[in-house]
Amino acid sequence: MNQEIIENTNKTIYRYLTDNAVLKSDETLQEMLLYALGFNTDGSLLSGGKRLRPLFCCLTCGIVSGHYEPAVLYGSALELLHNYTLVHDDIEDKSDTRHNRPALWKKYGLALAINAGDLLYEIALSAGAEADVISKKNGLRKIMQMSEQLFLGQHRDIMLETKLYIQQSEYLQMVRGKTSALIGCSFALGALAGGADEETAVKFEYAGQRLGIAFQIRDDYLGTWGDSSNLGKSVSADIMDKKNTLAVVYTANKNPEFLAKWEKYDGNPGQVSEFAAMMTEAGADDYLNQQCTKYTDEALETLKEFRSHGEYSTVLEELISSLINRKR
């Protein structure tokens, strides 16, 4: 089922990017957006993300209605918007690669990538508006509200990079915007596309938001204790970049010696193992696992109320389990 949803999503996204009148008028701009979404110009796949947001959207729709198809366009809109954020994130973070290939800005240049990302956001909103017409729902309003939270979360993330130490409450505020809001919106739009009322959609959105926090905590865990052969990147990167992950936040609160050394740390790879050992000694690995389980359980408890179409519920729960227990 998941593969079928992904294939239908890819077809919808490719159609949107090849039928768009503006993109049809400029070959380079169209090529850039196709590249950002993981397509060659002929529609074959270069590489790309897991299309998780469309999967969440469609599976939620299936739980409500017994069919996932009404949510494909909403899910595609969210995937377009998600990739817009990645284009801009890579620029803001100065990241050279994305999905094991050059980031859009490295391949085409900074100015062109900023402009292409902006257009990608507009195309995402257009897809949401079309989905509203078809579903007779007001999903675009939710997308716009979620977008504001995304921008706020990214702002906070950038601001927190300038701080030596942050509180867990600050970390969670950032994650709720940067990661959790979009996943929550995926669940809400899926429910609406399936015919749910606003109250039910809000419950699904809450479940998605809790999962979003759990997924980010799992990412933080893997960034320190993951297997680099599975991750496809060095697990020392988060430490070398002095990211305020939950592992760092927790350890700094527990161990003043860690915070003193962290303040003086200059990104030297030779000290990575020392910091990782201090985090482990403080129990940060166990704490992150506990927090990941806590937020996941809260999401699953909310979803238990909705099992009208058990096949979709089972597939969604299996997907959640695979993500929470992932090694990369």
Protein backbone atom coordinates (compact mmCIF):
# COMPACT_ATOMS: atom_id res chain seq x y z
CA MET A 1 0.00 0.00 0.00
CA ASN A 2 2.76 2.46 0.94
CA GLN A 3 4.52 1.98 -2.38
CA GLU A 4 1.29 2.56 -4.26
CA ILE A 5 0.73 5.81 -2.39
CA ILE A 6 4.29 6.94 -3.09
CA GLU A 7 3.95 6.15 -6.80
CA ASN A 8 0.67 8.08 -7.06
CA THR A 9 2.21 10.98 -5.16
CA ASN A 10 5.23 11.04 -7.48
CA LYS A 11 2.98 11.06 -10.54
CA THR A 12 0.93 13.93 -9.10
CA ILE A 13 4.01 16.01 -8.21
CA TYR A 14 5.64 15.38 -11.59
CA ARG A 15 2.42 16.39 -13.35
CA TYR A 16 2.24 19.58 -11.32
CA LEU A 17 5.80 20.53 -12.18
CA THR A 18 5.55 19.70 -15.87
CA ASP A 19 2.08 21.17 -16.49
CA ASN A 20 2.80 24.47 -14.75
CA ALA A 21 2.71 27.25 -17.34
CA VAL A 22 5.57 29.25 -15.80
CA LEU A 23 7.85 26.22 -15.59
CA LYS A 24 7.00 25.20 -19.15
CA SER A 25 8.25 28.59 -20.28
CA ASP A 26 11.72 28.16 -18.72
CA GLU A 27 13.58 24.88 -19.08
CA THR A 28 16.19 25.64 -16.42
CA LEU A 29 13.67 26.64 -13.77
CA GLN A 30 11.62 23.52 -14.43
CA GLU A 31 14.74 21.37 -14.28
CA MET A 32 15.67 22.93 -10.93
CA LEU A 33 12.33 22.16 -9.31
CA LEU A 34 12.27 18.64 -10.68
CA TYR A 35 15.79 18.16 -9.30
CA ALA A 36 14.73 19.49 -5.90
CA LEU A 37 11.92 16.90 -5.78
CA GLY A 38 14.21 14.08 -6.88
CA PHE A 39 13.20 13.74 -10.55
CA ASN A 40 15.07 13.62 -13.82
CA THR A 41 13.39 15.70 -16.51
CA ASP A 42 11.86 12.54 -18.00
CA GLY A 43 10.10 11.70 -14.73
CA SER A 44 12.45 8.95 -13.60
CA LEU A 45 13.69 9.24 -10.05
CA LEU A 46 17.12 10.58 -9.19
CA SER A 47 16.77 10.01 -5.50
CA GLY A 48 14.69 11.66 -2.88
CA GLY A 49 13.03 11.55 0.46
CA LYS A 50 10.68 8.94 1.82
CA ARG A 51 7.52 10.94 0.96
CA LEU A 52 6.52 10.55 4.60
CA ARG A 53 4.14 13.49 4.70
CA PRO A 54 2.04 12.21 1.79
CA LEU A 55 2.06 8.77 3.40
CA PHE A 56 0.78 10.15 6.69
CA CYS A 57 -1.83 12.22 4.89
CA CYS A 58 -3.11 9.34 2.74
CA LEU A 59 -3.08 6.70 5.47
CA THR A 60 -5.01 9.02 7.79
CA CYS A 61 -7.55 9.58 5.02
CA GLY A 62 -7.82 5.80 4.68
CA ILE A 63 -8.43 5.38 8.40
CA VAL A 64 -11.32 7.84 8.20
CA SER A 65 -12.88 6.85 4.88
CA GLY A 66 -11.50 3.49 3.79
CA HIS A 67 -9.82 5.08 0.74
CA TYR A 68 -6.56 7.00 0.49
CA GLU A 69 -7.04 8.53 -2.97
CA PRO A 70 -8.91 11.71 -1.85
CA ALA A 71 -5.78 12.80 0.06
CA VAL A 72 -3.18 12.36 -2.71
CA LEU A 73 -3.35 15.98 -3.84
CA TYR A 74 -3.14 17.36 -0.30
CA GLY A 75 -0.22 15.01 0.38
CA SER A 76 1.51 16.17 -2.79
CA ALA A 77 1.04 19.81 -1.79
CA LEU A 78 2.66 19.08 1.57
CA GLU A 79 5.58 17.29 -0.11
CA LEU A 80 6.12 20.26 -2.42
CA LEU A 81 6.06 22.59 0.59
CA HIS A 82 8.40 20.33 2.57
CA ASN A 83 10.94 20.40 -0.24
CA TYR A 84 10.65 24.17 -0.42
CA THR A 85 11.79 24.25 3.21
CA LEU A 86 14.71 21.93 2.40
CA VAL A 87 15.88 24.19 -0.42
CA HIS A 88 15.98 27.15 1.95
CA ASP A 89 17.32 25.13 4.91
CA ASP A 90 20.33 24.03 2.87
CA ILE A 91 21.06 27.66 1.99
CA GLU A 92 20.65 28.88 5.57
CA ASP A 93 22.71 26.00 6.98
CA LYS A 94 25.28 26.16 4.15
CA SER A 95 24.73 22.44 3.55
CA ASP A 96 26.44 21.25 0.39
CA THR A 97 24.48 18.03 -0.10
CA ARG A 98 20.93 16.74 0.11
CA HIS A 99 19.98 13.08 -0.45
CA ASN A 100 23.61 12.24 -1.33
CA ARG A 101 23.73 14.73 -4.23
CA PRO A 102 24.58 18.43 -4.47
CA ALA A 103 22.09 20.73 -2.79
CA LEU A 104 20.11 22.87 -5.21
CA TRP A 105 22.09 26.01 -4.37
CA LYS A 106 25.42 24.22 -4.90
CA LYS A 107 24.32 22.93 -8.30
CA TYR A 108 22.67 26.08 -9.67
CA GLY A 109 23.88 28.95 -7.51
CA LEU A 110 22.54 30.80 -4.51
CA ALA A 111 20.32 33.41 -6.14
CA LEU A 112 18.63 30.99 -8.54
CA ALA A 113 18.01 28.49 -5.73
CA ILE A 114 16.35 31.10 -3.50
CA ASN A 115 14.07 32.12 -6.35
CA ALA A 116 13.25 28.52 -7.29
CA GLY A 117 12.43 27.71 -3.67
CA ASP A 118 10.04 30.64 -3.50
CA LEU A 119 8.24 29.43 -6.62
CA LEU A 120 8.05 25.91 -5.18
CA TYR A 121 6.21 27.31 -2.16
CA GLU A 122 3.69 29.06 -4.43
CA ILE A 123 3.12 25.86 -6.43
CA ALA A 124 2.53 23.97 -3.17
CA LEU A 125 -0.14 26.48 -2.18
CA SER A 126 -1.74 26.20 -5.62
CA ALA A 127 -1.95 22.43 -5.18
CA GLY A 128 -3.56 22.94 -1.78
CA ALA A 129 -6.10 25.33 -3.28
CA GLU A 130 -6.98 22.81 -5.99
CA ALA A 131 -7.39 20.11 -3.35
CA ASP A 132 -9.80 22.41 -1.49
CA VAL A 133 -11.97 22.77 -4.58
CA ILE A 134 -12.11 19.01 -5.05
CA SER A 135 -12.68 18.11 -1.39
CA LYS A 136 -14.84 21.13 -0.53
CA LYS A 137 -12.70 21.57 2.60
CA ASN A 138 -10.57 24.48 3.80
CA GLY A 139 -7.25 22.68 3.92
CA LEU A 140 -5.33 25.63 2.51
CA ARG A 141 -6.10 27.60 5.66
CA LYS A 142 -4.44 24.84 7.69
CA ILE A 143 -1.46 24.84 5.34
CA MET A 144 -1.03 28.60 5.77
CA GLN A 145 -1.32 28.38 9.55
CA MET A 146 1.18 25.53 9.60
CA SER A 147 3.55 27.53 7.36
CA GLU A 148 3.67 30.32 9.92
CA GLN A 149 4.69 27.80 12.56
CA LEU A 150 7.36 26.40 10.22
CA PHE A 151 8.86 29.84 9.68
CA LEU A 152 8.78 30.53 13.41
CA GLY A 153 10.44 27.18 14.14
CA GLN A 154 13.20 27.83 11.60
CA HIS A 155 13.72 31.31 13.05
CA ARG A 156 14.09 29.85 16.52
CA ASP A 157 16.45 27.15 15.28
CA ILE A 158 18.73 29.74 13.70
CA MET A 159 18.59 31.95 16.79
CA LEU A 160 19.38 29.03 19.10
CA GLU A 161 22.55 28.30 17.14
CA THR A 162 24.01 31.47 18.64
CA LYS A 163 23.40 30.31 22.22
CA LEU A 164 25.83 28.14 24.16
CA TYR A 165 23.11 26.41 26.15
CA ILE A 166 19.33 26.25 25.91
CA GLN A 167 16.56 24.93 28.12
CA GLN A 168 14.53 21.89 27.09
CA SER A 169 11.47 24.14 26.82
CA GLU A 170 13.29 26.21 24.17
CA TYR A 171 14.27 23.06 22.31
CA LEU A 172 10.67 21.81 22.28
CA GLN A 173 9.37 25.19 21.12
CA MET A 174 11.70 25.02 18.15
CA VAL A 175 10.84 21.41 17.30
CA ARG A 176 7.08 22.09 17.44
CA GLY A 177 7.50 24.59 14.65
CA LYS A 178 10.37 23.22 12.57
CA THR A 179 9.40 19.53 12.54
CA SER A 180 6.15 18.83 14.34
CA ALA A 181 3.83 21.34 12.67
CA LEU A 182 4.14 19.89 9.16
CA ILE A 183 3.60 16.31 10.29
CA GLY A 184 0.58 17.38 12.33
CA CYS A 185 -0.83 19.16 9.29
CA SER A 186 -0.33 15.98 7.22
CA PHE A 187 -2.56 14.05 9.61
CA ALA A 188 -5.16 16.82 9.78
CA LEU A 189 -5.45 17.22 6.01
CA GLY A 190 -5.75 13.48 5.56
CA ALA A 191 -8.60 13.38 8.02
CA LEU A 192 -10.37 16.29 6.32
CA ALA A 193 -9.92 14.74 2.88
CA GLY A 194 -11.50 11.57 4.25
CA GLY A 195 -14.60 13.48 5.38
CA ALA A 196 -13.79 14.05 9.04
CA ASP A 197 -15.19 17.05 10.88
CA GLU A 198 -12.94 19.76 12.28
CA GLU A 199 -12.94 18.31 15.81
CA THR A 200 -11.73 14.94 14.53
CA ALA A 201 -9.11 16.59 12.33
CA VAL A 202 -7.72 18.43 15.37
CA LYS A 203 -7.29 15.10 17.20
CA PHE A 204 -5.39 13.63 14.25
CA GLU A 205 -3.29 16.79 14.08
CA TYR A 206 -2.36 16.40 17.75
CA ALA A 207 -1.25 12.80 17.11
CA GLY A 208 0.90 13.94 14.20
CA GLN A 209 2.45 16.72 16.24
CA ARG A 210 3.45 14.31 19.00
CA LEU A 211 4.97 11.98 16.41
CA GLY A 212 6.90 14.91 14.94
CA ILE A 213 8.55 15.53 18.30
CA ALA A 214 9.33 11.82 18.66
CA PHE A 215 10.92 11.69 15.20
CA GLN A 216 13.16 14.68 15.96
CA ILE A 217 14.29 13.13 19.23
CA ARG A 218 15.12 9.94 17.36
CA ASP A 219 17.16 11.99 14.88
CA ASP A 220 19.02 13.57 17.79
CA TYR A 221 19.74 10.13 19.23
CA LEU A 222 21.09 8.83 15.93
CA GLY A 223 23.19 11.97 15.55
CA THR A 224 25.25 10.87 18.57
CA TRP A 225 24.77 7.12 18.96
CA GLY A 226 23.81 6.02 15.44
CA ASP A 227 25.83 3.78 13.16
CA SER A 228 27.56 5.87 10.49
CA SER A 229 27.42 2.96 8.04
CA ASN A 230 23.61 3.05 8.29
CA LEU A 231 23.24 6.79 8.43
CA GLY A 232 25.39 7.49 5.40
CA LYS A 233 27.10 10.31 7.30
CA SER A 234 29.44 10.75 10.23
CA VAL A 235 27.67 10.48 13.57
CA SER A 236 30.11 13.07 14.88
CA ALA A 237 28.59 15.83 12.72
CA ASP A 238 26.05 17.06 15.30
CA ILE A 239 28.75 17.34 17.97
CA MET A 240 31.31 18.97 15.66
CA ASP A 241 28.67 21.50 14.57
CA LYS A 242 27.85 22.17 18.26
CA LYS A 243 24.14 21.59 17.64
CA ASN A 244 21.86 22.06 20.63
CA THR A 245 20.35 18.59 20.34
CA LEU A 246 18.29 17.16 23.16
CA ALA A 247 21.30 15.05 24.14
CA VAL A 248 23.38 18.19 24.63
CA VAL A 249 20.55 20.01 26.44
CA TYR A 250 20.05 17.11 28.85
CA THR A 251 23.75 16.55 29.56
CA ALA A 252 24.53 20.24 30.06
CA ASN A 253 21.76 20.38 32.67
CA LYS A 254 23.13 17.33 34.46
CA ASN A 255 26.86 17.97 34.27
CA PRO A 256 28.42 21.46 34.72
CA GLU A 257 31.79 20.04 33.62
CA PHE A 258 30.29 19.12 30.26
CA LEU A 259 28.91 22.64 29.80
CA ALA A 260 32.30 24.19 30.63
CA LYS A 261 34.06 22.01 28.05
CA TRP A 262 31.27 22.54 25.51
CA GLU A 263 31.71 26.31 25.80
CA LYS A 264 35.39 26.03 24.79
CA TYR A 265 34.90 23.33 22.14
CA ASP A 266 36.07 24.41 18.68
CA GLY A 267 34.71 21.51 16.60
CA ASN A 268 37.85 19.37 16.86
CA PRO A 269 36.95 15.83 15.62
CA GLY A 270 39.37 14.37 18.14
CA GLN A 271 37.14 15.40 21.03
CA VAL A 272 33.90 13.94 19.67
CA SER A 273 34.26 10.62 21.49
CA GLU A 274 34.90 12.44 24.77
CA PHE A 275 31.67 14.44 24.48
CA ALA A 276 29.70 11.37 23.40
CA ALA A 277 31.04 9.47 26.42
CA MET A 278 30.01 12.29 28.76
CA MET A 279 26.51 12.27 27.29
CA THR A 280 26.28 8.51 27.80
CA GLU A 281 27.60 8.77 31.35
CA ALA A 282 24.91 11.37 32.11
CA GLY A 283 22.25 8.96 30.83
CA ALA A 284 21.29 11.10 27.85
CA ASP A 285 20.91 8.07 25.57
CA ASP A 286 18.37 6.48 27.91
CA TYR A 287 16.59 9.79 28.41
CA LEU A 288 16.19 10.36 24.68
CA ASN A 289 14.83 6.85 24.23
CA GLN A 290 12.36 7.43 27.05
CA GLN A 291 11.20 10.74 25.60
CA CYS A 292 10.85 9.26 22.12
CA THR A 293 8.69 6.46 23.53
CA LYS A 294 6.63 8.94 25.57
CA TYR A 295 5.67 11.11 22.60
CA THR A 296 5.06 8.09 20.37
CA ASP A 297 2.77 6.48 22.95
CA GLU A 298 0.79 9.72 23.27
CA ALA A 299 0.26 9.76 19.51
CA LEU A 300 -0.74 6.11 19.31
CA GLU A 301 -3.12 6.49 22.24
CA THR A 302 -4.90 9.30 20.37
CA LEU A 303 -5.08 7.22 17.18
CA LYS A 304 -6.67 4.26 19.02
CA GLU A 305 -9.95 6.12 18.92
CA PHE A 306 -10.04 5.81 15.14
CA ARG A 307 -9.93 2.26 13.85
CA SER A 308 -12.93 2.16 11.52
CA HIS A 309 -10.75 0.84 8.72
CA GLY A 310 -8.26 -1.43 10.44
CA GLU A 311 -6.07 -2.12 7.42
CA TYR A 312 -5.01 1.52 7.20
CA SER A 313 -4.51 1.75 10.96
CA THR A 314 -2.22 -1.28 10.88
CA VAL A 315 -0.15 0.10 8.01
CA LEU A 316 0.19 3.48 9.75
CA GLU A 317 1.23 1.89 13.03
CA GLU A 318 3.83 -0.25 11.23
CA LEU A 319 5.19 2.85 9.49
CA ILE A 320 5.43 4.71 12.79
CA SER A 321 7.22 1.78 14.40
CA SER A 322 9.74 1.57 11.58
CA LEU A 323 10.51 5.27 11.87
CA ILE A 324 10.83 5.31 15.64
CA ASN A 325 13.13 2.28 15.58
CA ARG A 326 15.08 3.30 12.47
CA LYS A 327 18.86 3.10 12.33
CA ARG A 328 19.21 5.92 9.80
